[in-house]
Protein backbone atom coordinates (compact mmCIF):
# COMPACT_ATOMS: atom_id res chain seq x y z
CA UNK A 1 -38.78 -61.16 -48.03
CA UNK A 2 -37.46 -63.43 -50.77
CA UNK A 3 -38.84 -61.14 -53.46
CA UNK A 4 -37.15 -58.16 -51.84
CA UNK A 5 -33.69 -59.90 -52.01
CA UNK A 6 -34.27 -60.70 -55.67
CA UNK A 7 -35.08 -57.10 -56.60
CA UNK A 8 -31.88 -55.91 -54.83
CA UNK A 9 -29.93 -58.64 -56.57
CA UNK A 10 -31.26 -57.60 -60.00
CA UNK A 11 -30.48 -53.99 -59.34
CA UNK A 12 -26.84 -55.00 -58.83
CA UNK A 13 -26.70 -56.78 -62.16
CA UNK A 14 -28.38 -53.89 -63.92
CA UNK A 15 -25.75 -51.48 -62.51
CA UNK A 16 -22.94 -53.86 -63.65
CA UNK A 17 -24.62 -54.01 -67.14
CA UNK A 18 -24.95 -50.18 -67.28
CA UNK A 19 -21.27 -49.71 -66.28
CA UNK A 20 -20.12 -52.24 -68.92
CA UNK A 21 -22.16 -50.55 -71.65
CA UNK A 22 -20.78 -47.17 -70.58
CA UNK A 23 -17.19 -48.49 -70.70
CA UNK A 24 -17.80 -49.94 -74.16
CA UNK A 25 -19.35 -46.69 -75.43
CA UNK A 26 -16.41 -44.55 -74.15
CA UNK A 27 -13.73 -46.91 -75.54
CA UNK A 28 -15.56 -46.99 -78.94
CA UNK A 29 -15.54 -43.18 -79.03
CA UNK A 30 -11.86 -43.08 -78.13
CA UNK A 31 -10.94 -45.68 -80.78
CA UNK A 32 -12.94 -43.70 -83.38
CA UNK A 33 -11.22 -40.43 -82.51
CA UNK A 34 -7.75 -42.06 -82.40
CA UNK A 35 -8.19 -43.70 -85.72
CA UNK A 36 -9.25 -40.42 -87.38
CA UNK A 37 -6.23 -38.68 -85.85
CA UNK A 38 -3.95 -41.36 -87.26
CA UNK A 39 -5.42 -40.91 -90.76
CA UNK A 40 -4.75 -37.12 -90.75
CA UNK A 41 -1.18 -37.56 -89.69
CA UNK A 42 0.34 -36.72 -93.03
CA UNK A 43 4.01 -37.21 -93.90
CA UNK A 44 6.09 -34.54 -95.57
CA UNK A 45 5.36 -35.77 -99.11
CA UNK A 46 1.58 -35.55 -98.64
CA UNK A 47 1.94 -32.08 -97.02
CA UNK A 48 4.06 -30.67 -99.79
CA UNK A 49 1.79 -32.06 -102.52
CA UNK A 50 -1.33 -30.63 -100.84
CA UNK A 51 0.40 -27.31 -100.40
CA UNK A 52 1.33 -27.32 -104.12
CA UNK A 53 -2.25 -28.16 -105.19
CA UNK A 54 -3.58 -25.35 -102.96
CA UNK A 55 -1.30 -22.77 -104.39
CA UNK A 56 -1.91 -23.79 -107.98
CA UNK A 57 -5.73 -23.93 -107.31
CA UNK A 58 -5.47 -20.28 -106.06
CA UNK A 59 -3.50 -19.28 -109.13
CA UNK A 60 -6.30 -20.70 -111.39
CA UNK A 61 -9.29 -19.58 -109.43
CA UNK A 62 -8.45 -16.09 -108.24
CA UNK A 63 -8.93 -13.58 -111.10
CA UNK A 64 -6.09 -11.36 -110.01
CA UNK A 65 -3.55 -14.14 -109.81
CA UNK A 66 -4.91 -15.67 -113.02
CA UNK A 67 -4.34 -12.49 -114.89
CA UNK A 68 -0.77 -12.29 -113.52
CA UNK A 69 -0.16 -15.78 -114.88
CA UNK A 70 -1.52 -15.02 -118.30
CA UNK A 71 0.54 -11.70 -118.49
CA UNK A 72 3.53 -13.65 -117.01
CA UNK A 73 3.99 -11.22 -114.15
CA UNK A 74 6.30 -13.56 -112.27
CA UNK A 75 7.42 -11.10 -109.61
CA UNK A 76 3.86 -10.60 -108.16
CA UNK A 77 3.29 -14.41 -108.34
CA UNK A 78 6.60 -14.99 -106.75
CA UNK A 79 5.67 -12.83 -103.80
CA UNK A 80 2.37 -14.71 -103.39
CA UNK A 81 4.01 -18.19 -103.48
CA UNK A 82 6.82 -17.11 -101.22
CA UNK A 83 4.30 -16.27 -98.53
CA UNK A 84 2.78 -19.75 -98.74
CA UNK A 85 6.02 -21.92 -98.79
CA UNK A 86 7.55 -22.79 -95.44
CA UNK A 87 11.11 -21.37 -94.85
CA UNK A 88 12.50 -24.87 -94.76
CA UNK A 89 11.91 -25.29 -98.52
CA UNK A 90 13.00 -23.65 -101.68
CA UNK A 91 10.79 -23.39 -104.71
CA UNK A 92 10.72 -22.37 -108.36
CA UNK A 93 7.69 -21.20 -110.19
CA UNK A 94 7.71 -21.53 -113.97
CA UNK A 95 5.27 -20.16 -116.48
CA UNK A 96 5.50 -21.56 -119.94
CA UNK A 97 3.53 -21.25 -123.22
CA UNK A 98 1.21 -24.24 -123.66
CA UNK A 99 0.37 -24.06 -127.31
CA UNK A 100 3.76 -23.16 -128.75
CA UNK A 101 6.47 -24.04 -126.19
CA UNK A 102 9.71 -22.41 -127.20
CA UNK A 103 11.55 -23.99 -124.23
CA UNK A 104 10.42 -26.86 -121.93
CA UNK A 105 9.09 -25.91 -118.51
CA UNK A 106 12.05 -27.05 -116.37
CA UNK A 107 14.52 -25.85 -113.74
CA UNK A 108 17.46 -23.80 -114.82
CA UNK A 109 21.01 -25.02 -114.29
CA UNK A 110 21.60 -23.44 -110.87
CA UNK A 111 18.19 -24.66 -109.59
CA UNK A 112 18.96 -28.09 -110.97
CA UNK A 113 22.34 -28.17 -109.08
CA UNK A 114 20.67 -27.01 -105.84
CA UNK A 115 18.27 -29.93 -105.98
CA UNK A 116 20.99 -32.57 -106.41
CA UNK A 117 20.46 -35.52 -103.99
CA UNK A 118 17.21 -33.95 -102.66
CA UNK A 119 13.58 -34.86 -102.99
CA UNK A 120 11.87 -32.58 -105.44
CA UNK A 121 8.04 -32.17 -105.68
CA UNK A 122 6.47 -31.02 -108.90
CA UNK A 123 2.88 -30.12 -109.66
CA UNK A 124 1.49 -28.32 -112.71
CA UNK A 125 -1.64 -26.73 -113.91
CA UNK A 126 -2.88 -25.26 -117.20
CA UNK A 127 -4.45 -21.80 -117.16
CA UNK A 128 -6.19 -21.12 -120.47
CA UNK A 129 -7.86 -17.66 -120.49
CA UNK A 130 -9.65 -14.87 -118.82
CA UNK A 131 -12.10 -12.36 -120.31
CA UNK A 132 -9.41 -10.32 -122.09
CA UNK A 133 -6.56 -12.71 -122.92
CA UNK A 134 -6.48 -16.14 -124.61
CA UNK A 135 -2.93 -17.33 -124.41
CA UNK A 136 -2.92 -20.75 -122.42
CA UNK A 137 0.02 -21.03 -120.00
CA UNK A 138 1.36 -24.05 -118.19
CA UNK A 139 2.40 -23.28 -114.54
CA UNK A 140 4.78 -25.61 -112.79
CA UNK A 141 5.69 -25.38 -109.20
CA UNK A 142 8.89 -27.09 -108.06
CA UNK A 143 9.56 -27.54 -104.26
CA UNK A 144 12.59 -28.98 -102.61
CA UNK A 145 14.25 -29.00 -99.20
CA UNK A 146 16.58 -26.08 -98.40
CA UNK A 147 19.23 -28.13 -96.51
């Protein structure tokens, strides 16, 4: 009879131990998921810079957009960029000669005034050539808040 009581008593402790391990595992998983969620919570600065990098990467990697940059077909590129930028932001896309810059790649006067007292985000990329044209261009993308 004494041995039977010990076995029942040990089963109780084993169940408590199993429940404790289960609680620790679940809380560990929740902490891991929560910490990954916190890391991905980007602020507006990181969002805009990642959006700019994505747009510029597309301009350099897609052959159709790349040829539009090299031929300076700004209207087609403007349509593409306009579809990617959220409506809460304004932008300006500039294409400049890289080897012999006649004018610096910068905002014009009206755009400069529109950006006064606002945060402006600028990223640039150099697109050098495709199979038909070798005339390197610098592409700058300026983004600022509309308000």
